[in-house]
Amino acid sequence: CWSLFTLLQYAHAGFVSILYEQGMRSMLQGDFSLALVGFQDTIAAESSYVDAYNALGRIFWEQGDVAKAIEMYDRCVQLSPLATTPAHNRLLALNYVGERNMATMDVFREHTMWGERFCKQISDLGTGFEDWLCQRAVHRRLKI
């Protein structure tokens, strides 16, 4: 027997998915203002919907608001630290943060930390990296 609570949970999840899909459809059609509303509605219905924050980041980036895009990607990483796409999008957006006055070394550190997290995730899967000699800089080893 299904309880009313279970039925409401399924209905809510379906409703949230519909809102998100409407936002995605609008974004793919190039209607960013309608997509923005769709994703904001998705987040209003389910504040932990990581994909909606990631899509908002994409919209803000497309509109030239890199700082707001990074804010959305930060929220994604906060909600789902192992989600690779938002973390990667955030890293890419950091390359364009001139107006945030982020120092070059800070961006470099962010890239390094992302690389270390990526290496750890790969190692946790049981697959390692092979070290290769770098012919241009023999003092450095490449991990592949």
C-alpha atoms as a PDB file:
ATOM      1  CA  CYS A   1       0.000   0.000   0.000  1.00  0.00           C
ATOM      2  CA  TRP A   2       1.359   3.372  -0.921  1.00  0.00           C
ATOM      3  CA  SER A   3       1.133   6.026   1.698  1.00  0.00           C
ATOM      4  CA  LEU A   4      -0.015   9.526   0.874  1.00  0.00           C
ATOM      5  CA  PHE A   5       3.452  10.776   1.830  1.00  0.00           C
ATOM      6  CA  THR A   6       5.116   8.450  -0.716  1.00  0.00           C
ATOM      7  CA  LEU A   7       2.698   9.535  -3.424  1.00  0.00           C
ATOM      8  CA  LEU A   8       3.392  13.200  -2.681  1.00  0.00           C
ATOM      9  CA  GLN A   9       7.150  12.577  -2.836  1.00  0.00           C
ATOM     10  CA  TYR A  10       6.836  11.022  -6.292  1.00  0.00           C
ATOM     11  CA  ALA A  11       4.553  13.814  -7.483  1.00  0.00           C
ATOM     12  CA  HIS A  12       6.980  16.463  -6.183  1.00  0.00           C
ATOM     13  CA  ALA A  13       9.966  14.784  -7.864  1.00  0.00           C
ATOM     14  CA  GLY A  14       8.055  14.630 -11.138  1.00  0.00           C
ATOM     15  CA  PHE A  15       7.040  18.279 -10.871  1.00  0.00           C
ATOM     16  CA  VAL A  16      10.613  19.361 -10.185  1.00  0.00           C
ATOM     17  CA  SER A  17      11.864  17.336 -13.160  1.00  0.00           C
ATOM     18  CA  ILE A  18       9.300  18.996 -15.425  1.00  0.00           C
ATOM     19  CA  LEU A  19      10.418  22.459 -14.291  1.00  0.00           C
ATOM     20  CA  TYR A  20      14.052  21.552 -14.930  1.00  0.00           C
ATOM     21  CA  GLU A  21      13.285  20.069 -18.363  1.00  0.00           C
ATOM     22  CA  GLN A  22      11.387  23.217 -19.336  1.00  0.00           C
ATOM     23  CA  GLY A  23      14.425  25.271 -18.351  1.00  0.00           C
ATOM     24  CA  MET A  24      16.726  23.006 -20.371  1.00  0.00           C
ATOM     25  CA  ARG A  25      14.453  23.150 -23.407  1.00  0.00           C
ATOM     26  CA  SER A  26      14.368  26.948 -23.258  1.00  0.00           C
ATOM     27  CA  MET A  27      18.149  27.140 -22.830  1.00  0.00           C
ATOM     28  CA  LEU A  28      18.769  24.840 -25.794  1.00  0.00           C
ATOM     29  CA  GLN A  29      16.442  27.007 -27.887  1.00  0.00           C
ATOM     30  CA  GLY A  30      18.468  30.063 -26.909  1.00  0.00           C
ATOM     31  CA  ASP A  31      15.743  31.663 -24.783  1.00  0.00           C
ATOM     32  CA  PHE A  32      17.917  32.377 -21.739  1.00  0.00           C
ATOM     33  CA  SER A  33      15.400  34.600 -19.966  1.00  0.00           C
ATOM     34  CA  LEU A  34      12.744  31.859 -20.007  1.00  0.00           C
ATOM     35  CA  ALA A  35      15.360  29.247 -19.085  1.00  0.00           C
ATOM     36  CA  LEU A  36      16.440  31.412 -16.157  1.00  0.00           C
ATOM     37  CA  VAL A  37      12.874  31.417 -14.845  1.00  0.00           C
ATOM     38  CA  GLY A  38      12.616  27.635 -15.312  1.00  0.00           C
ATOM     39  CA  PHE A  39      15.772  26.932 -13.331  1.00  0.00           C
ATOM     40  CA  GLN A  40      14.891  29.437 -10.617  1.00  0.00           C
ATOM     41  CA  ASP A  41      11.488  27.754 -10.291  1.00  0.00           C
ATOM     42  CA  THR A  42      13.242  24.378 -10.085  1.00  0.00           C
ATOM     43  CA  ILE A  43      15.433  25.627  -7.244  1.00  0.00           C
ATOM     44  CA  ALA A  44      12.431  27.204  -5.499  1.00  0.00           C
ATOM     45  CA  ALA A  45      10.745  23.781  -5.562  1.00  0.00           C
ATOM     46  CA  GLU A  46      13.904  21.818  -4.676  1.00  0.00           C
ATOM     47  CA  SER A  47      16.759  23.900  -3.273  1.00  0.00           C
ATOM     48  CA  SER A  48      19.301  21.070  -3.581  1.00  0.00           C
ATOM     49  CA  TYR A  49      18.789  20.421  -7.319  1.00  0.00           C
ATOM     50  CA  VAL A  50      22.444  20.539  -8.399  1.00  0.00           C
ATOM     51  CA  ASP A  51      21.805  20.377 -12.149  1.00  0.00           C
ATOM     52  CA  ALA A  52      19.632  23.501 -11.978  1.00  0.00           C
ATOM     53  CA  TYR A  53      22.453  25.474 -10.319  1.00  0.00           C
ATOM     54  CA  ASN A  54      24.882  24.167 -12.935  1.00  0.00           C
ATOM     55  CA  ALA A  55      22.535  25.258 -15.732  1.00  0.00           C
ATOM     56  CA  LEU A  56      22.122  28.685 -14.121  1.00  0.00           C
ATOM     57  CA  GLY A  57      25.903  28.961 -14.081  1.00  0.00           C
ATOM     58  CA  ARG A  58      25.947  28.254 -17.801  1.00  0.00           C
ATOM     59  CA  ILE A  59      23.300  30.917 -18.462  1.00  0.00           C
ATOM     60  CA  PHE A  60      25.121  33.558 -16.420  1.00  0.00           C
ATOM     61  CA  TRP A  61      28.382  32.684 -18.175  1.00  0.00           C
ATOM     62  CA  GLU A  62      26.709  32.954 -21.599  1.00  0.00           C
ATOM     63  CA  GLN A  63      25.350  36.365 -20.579  1.00  0.00           C
ATOM     64  CA  GLY A  64      28.823  37.519 -19.512  1.00  0.00           C
ATOM     65  CA  ASP A  65      28.243  37.485 -15.745  1.00  0.00           C
ATOM     66  CA  VAL A  66      31.169  35.237 -14.828  1.00  0.00           C
ATOM     67  CA  ALA A  67      31.062  36.166 -11.137  1.00  0.00           C
ATOM     68  CA  LYS A  68      27.433  35.032 -10.871  1.00  0.00           C
ATOM     69  CA  ALA A  69      28.252  31.874 -12.859  1.00  0.00           C
ATOM     70  CA  ILE A  70      31.027  31.016 -10.412  1.00  0.00           C
ATOM     71  CA  GLU A  71      28.602  31.611  -7.557  1.00  0.00           C
ATOM     72  CA  MET A  72      26.240  29.007  -9.065  1.00  0.00           C
ATOM     73  CA  TYR A  73      29.072  26.528  -9.644  1.00  0.00           C
ATOM     74  CA  ASP A  74      30.248  27.070  -6.057  1.00  0.00           C
ATOM     75  CA  ARG A  75      26.745  26.173  -4.881  1.00  0.00           C
ATOM     76  CA  CYS A  76      26.851  22.985  -6.984  1.00  0.00           C
ATOM     77  CA  VAL A  77      30.167  21.940  -5.493  1.00  0.00           C
ATOM     78  CA  GLN A  78      28.846  22.735  -2.034  1.00  0.00           C
ATOM     79  CA  LEU A  79      25.785  20.532  -2.571  1.00  0.00           C
ATOM     80  CA  SER A  80      27.611  17.737  -4.367  1.00  0.00           C
ATOM     81  CA  PRO A  81      31.393  17.808  -3.801  1.00  0.00           C
ATOM     82  CA  LEU A  82      31.964  14.776  -6.052  1.00  0.00           C
ATOM     83  CA  ALA A  83      30.039  16.173  -9.037  1.00  0.00           C
ATOM     84  CA  THR A  84      32.705  16.622 -11.679  1.00  0.00           C
ATOM     85  CA  THR A  85      30.887  18.736 -14.282  1.00  0.00           C
ATOM     86  CA  PRO A  86      30.079  21.725 -12.019  1.00  0.00           C
ATOM     87  CA  ALA A  87      33.587  21.605 -10.524  1.00  0.00           C
ATOM     88  CA  HIS A  88      35.083  21.629 -14.003  1.00  0.00           C
ATOM     89  CA  ASN A  89      32.767  24.431 -15.168  1.00  0.00           C
ATOM     90  CA  ARG A  90      33.783  26.455 -12.115  1.00  0.00           C
ATOM     91  CA  LEU A  91      37.436  25.890 -12.910  1.00  0.00           C
ATOM     92  CA  LEU A  92      36.969  27.024 -16.514  1.00  0.00           C
ATOM     93  CA  ALA A  93      35.047  30.119 -15.418  1.00  0.00           C
ATOM     94  CA  LEU A  94      37.874  31.082 -13.063  1.00  0.00           C
ATOM     95  CA  ASN A  95      40.008  31.705 -16.143  1.00  0.00           C
ATOM     96  CA  TYR A  96      37.735  34.665 -16.960  1.00  0.00           C
ATOM     97  CA  VAL A  97      37.408  36.377 -13.590  1.00  0.00           C
ATOM     98  CA  GLY A  98      39.129  39.666 -14.357  1.00  0.00           C
ATOM     99  CA  GLU A  99      36.437  41.682 -12.631  1.00  0.00           C
ATOM    100  CA  ARG A 100      36.726  39.582  -9.458  1.00  0.00           C
ATOM    101  CA  ASN A 101      40.345  40.712  -9.073  1.00  0.00           C
ATOM    102  CA  MET A 102      41.473  37.161  -8.408  1.00  0.00           C
ATOM    103  CA  ALA A 103      45.243  36.919  -8.416  1.00  0.00           C
ATOM    104  CA  THR A 104      46.865  34.661 -10.998  1.00  0.00           C
ATOM    105  CA  MET A 105      48.367  32.517  -8.232  1.00  0.00           C
ATOM    106  CA  ASP A 106      44.909  32.022  -6.695  1.00  0.00           C
ATOM    107  CA  VAL A 107      43.587  30.771 -10.033  1.00  0.00           C
ATOM    108  CA  PHE A 108      46.670  28.534 -10.338  1.00  0.00           C
ATOM    109  CA  ARG A 109      45.998  27.126  -6.837  1.00  0.00           C
ATOM    110  CA  GLU A 110      42.377  26.423  -7.791  1.00  0.00           C
ATOM    111  CA  HIS A 111      43.573  24.516 -10.870  1.00  0.00           C
ATOM    112  CA  THR A 112      46.054  22.568  -8.756  1.00  0.00           C
ATOM    113  CA  MET A 113      43.444  21.666  -6.135  1.00  0.00           C
ATOM    114  CA  TRP A 114      41.036  20.548  -8.855  1.00  0.00           C
ATOM    115  CA  GLY A 115      43.766  18.368 -10.378  1.00  0.00           C
ATOM    116  CA  GLU A 116      44.529  16.820  -6.997  1.00  0.00           C
ATOM    117  CA  ARG A 117      40.829  16.061  -6.393  1.00  0.00           C
ATOM    118  CA  PHE A 118      40.590  14.538  -9.865  1.00  0.00           C
ATOM    119  CA  CYS A 119      43.661  12.365  -9.245  1.00  0.00           C
ATOM    120  CA  LYS A 120      42.216  11.208  -5.927  1.00  0.00           C
ATOM    121  CA  GLN A 121      38.901  10.300  -7.550  1.00  0.00           C
ATOM    122  CA  ILE A 122      40.721   8.279 -10.205  1.00  0.00           C
ATOM    123  CA  SER A 123      42.843   6.553  -7.563  1.00  0.00           C
ATOM    124  CA  ASP A 124      39.724   5.752  -5.513  1.00  0.00           C
ATOM    125  CA  LEU A 125      38.340   3.955  -8.560  1.00  0.00           C
ATOM    126  CA  GLY A 126      41.316   1.627  -8.433  1.00  0.00           C
ATOM    127  CA  THR A 127      42.930   2.872 -11.608  1.00  0.00           C
ATOM    128  CA  GLY A 128      46.169   4.708 -11.288  1.00  0.00           C
ATOM    129  CA  PHE A 129      48.239   6.914 -13.478  1.00  0.00           C
ATOM    130  CA  GLU A 130      51.404   6.143 -15.350  1.00  0.00           C
ATOM    131  CA  ASP A 131      54.304   8.529 -14.981  1.00  0.00           C
ATOM    132  CA  TRP A 132      56.025   9.567 -18.179  1.00  0.00           C
ATOM    133  CA  LEU A 133      59.137  11.586 -18.756  1.00  0.00           C
ATOM    134  CA  CYS A 134      58.506  15.022 -20.156  1.00  0.00           C
ATOM    135  CA  GLN A 135      61.065  15.555 -22.911  1.00  0.00           C
ATOM    136  CA  ARG A 136      60.782  19.350 -22.808  1.00  0.00           C
ATOM    137  CA  ALA A 137      61.218  19.588 -19.033  1.00  0.00           C
ATOM    138  CA  VAL A 138      63.036  16.512 -17.756  1.00  0.00           C
ATOM    139  CA  HIS A 139      62.660  17.589 -14.123  1.00  0.00           C
ATOM    140  CA  ARG A 140      58.873  17.210 -14.482  1.00  0.00           C
ATOM    141  CA  ARG A 141      56.939  13.985 -14.889  1.00  0.00           C
ATOM    142  CA  LEU A 142      53.667  13.750 -16.735  1.00  0.00           C
ATOM    143  CA  LYS A 143      50.828  11.748 -15.246  1.00  0.00           C
ATOM    144  CA  ILE A 144      48.700   9.975 -17.780  1.00  0.00           C
END
